[in-house]
Amino acid sequence: ELLDGVRRFSDLQRALAEVQQGVSQKVLTAQLRELETDGVVERTVYPEVPPRVEYALTALGRELVPVLEELHAWGEKKQPEG
């Protein structure tokens, strides 16, 4: 979802619910924090009421996209049919 640009937390949570059983708010928050710490995702907080927080890929995150796409393709080929 972040490949398409800046996203809010709810956008990410909704997108994950569409492709799998969904992810709890706690798990998604932890994963986003870890990705931010690793420099893959940047988090921008806007001083508004209500608060607005947006997430985007960093340059490092964009560099990882082709690698992750190849891993995904490899996994799809190795997945048993049925």
Protein backbone atom coordinates (compact mmCIF):
# COMPACT_ATOMS: atom_id res chain seq x y z
CA GLU A 1 0.00 0.00 0.00
CA LEU A 2 2.87 2.38 0.70
CA LEU A 3 4.10 1.82 -2.84
CA ASP A 4 1.25 4.06 -3.96
CA GLY A 5 2.40 6.95 -1.77
CA VAL A 6 1.63 8.43 1.61
CA ARG A 7 -0.98 6.57 3.67
CA ARG A 8 -2.72 7.00 6.99
CA PHE A 9 -2.85 4.23 9.60
CA SER A 10 -6.48 3.40 8.81
CA ASP A 11 -5.66 3.08 5.09
CA LEU A 12 -2.94 0.55 5.86
CA GLN A 13 -5.15 -1.40 8.25
CA ARG A 14 -7.98 -1.54 5.70
CA ALA A 15 -5.63 -2.68 2.91
CA LEU A 16 -4.26 -5.48 5.09
CA ALA A 17 -7.78 -6.63 5.94
CA GLU A 18 -8.48 -7.04 2.22
CA VAL A 19 -5.51 -9.34 1.55
CA GLN A 20 -5.48 -11.41 4.72
CA GLN A 21 -7.47 -11.96 7.88
CA GLY A 22 -6.54 -8.48 8.98
CA VAL A 23 -3.97 -7.30 11.47
CA SER A 24 -4.68 -6.00 14.94
CA GLN A 25 -4.01 -2.35 15.66
CA LYS A 26 -1.35 -3.35 18.19
CA VAL A 27 0.55 -5.53 15.70
CA LEU A 28 0.38 -2.95 12.90
CA THR A 29 1.57 -0.20 15.26
CA ALA A 30 4.51 -2.33 16.40
CA GLN A 31 5.48 -3.21 12.82
CA LEU A 32 5.30 0.40 11.66
CA ARG A 33 7.44 1.52 14.61
CA GLU A 34 10.02 -1.15 13.79
CA LEU A 35 10.08 -0.14 10.12
CA GLU A 36 10.47 3.49 11.17
CA THR A 37 13.36 2.60 13.50
CA ASP A 38 15.01 0.67 10.67
CA GLY A 39 14.68 3.66 8.33
CA VAL A 40 12.30 1.95 5.91
CA VAL A 41 9.20 4.03 6.71
CA GLU A 42 8.87 7.63 7.79
CA ARG A 43 6.08 8.81 10.08
CA THR A 44 4.81 12.38 9.87
CA VAL A 45 2.60 13.79 12.63
CA TYR A 46 0.60 16.92 11.86
CA PRO A 47 -0.33 19.23 14.77
CA GLU A 48 -4.05 19.22 14.02
CA VAL A 49 -7.20 18.37 15.91
CA PRO A 50 -7.91 15.54 15.49
CA PRO A 51 -4.27 14.50 15.06
CA ARG A 52 -3.23 13.29 11.62
CA VAL A 53 -0.38 10.83 11.12
CA GLU A 54 0.89 9.71 7.74
CA TYR A 55 3.34 7.00 6.72
CA ALA A 56 5.53 6.86 3.62
CA LEU A 57 8.44 4.82 2.32
CA THR A 58 11.87 6.37 2.74
CA ALA A 59 14.53 6.19 0.03
CA LEU A 60 15.77 2.99 1.68
CA GLY A 61 12.23 1.60 1.65
CA ARG A 62 11.90 2.32 -2.07
CA GLU A 63 15.26 0.59 -2.69
CA LEU A 64 13.91 -2.55 -1.02
CA VAL A 65 10.82 -2.77 -3.27
CA PRO A 66 12.44 -4.78 -6.11
CA VAL A 67 14.00 -7.18 -3.61
CA LEU A 68 10.66 -7.78 -1.88
CA GLU A 69 8.89 -8.22 -5.22
CA GLU A 70 11.40 -10.91 -6.21
CA LEU A 71 10.97 -12.68 -2.86
CA HIS A 72 7.21 -12.59 -3.33
CA ALA A 73 7.48 -14.04 -6.85
CA TRP A 74 9.81 -16.77 -5.61
CA GLY A 75 7.41 -17.63 -2.79
CA GLU A 76 4.49 -17.82 -5.21
CA LYS A 77 6.42 -20.31 -7.38
CA LYS A 78 7.34 -22.45 -4.38
CA GLN A 79 3.85 -22.49 -2.91
CA PRO A 80 2.16 -25.89 -3.30
CA GLU A 81 -0.82 -25.94 -5.64
CA GLY A 82 -4.24 -26.69 -4.34
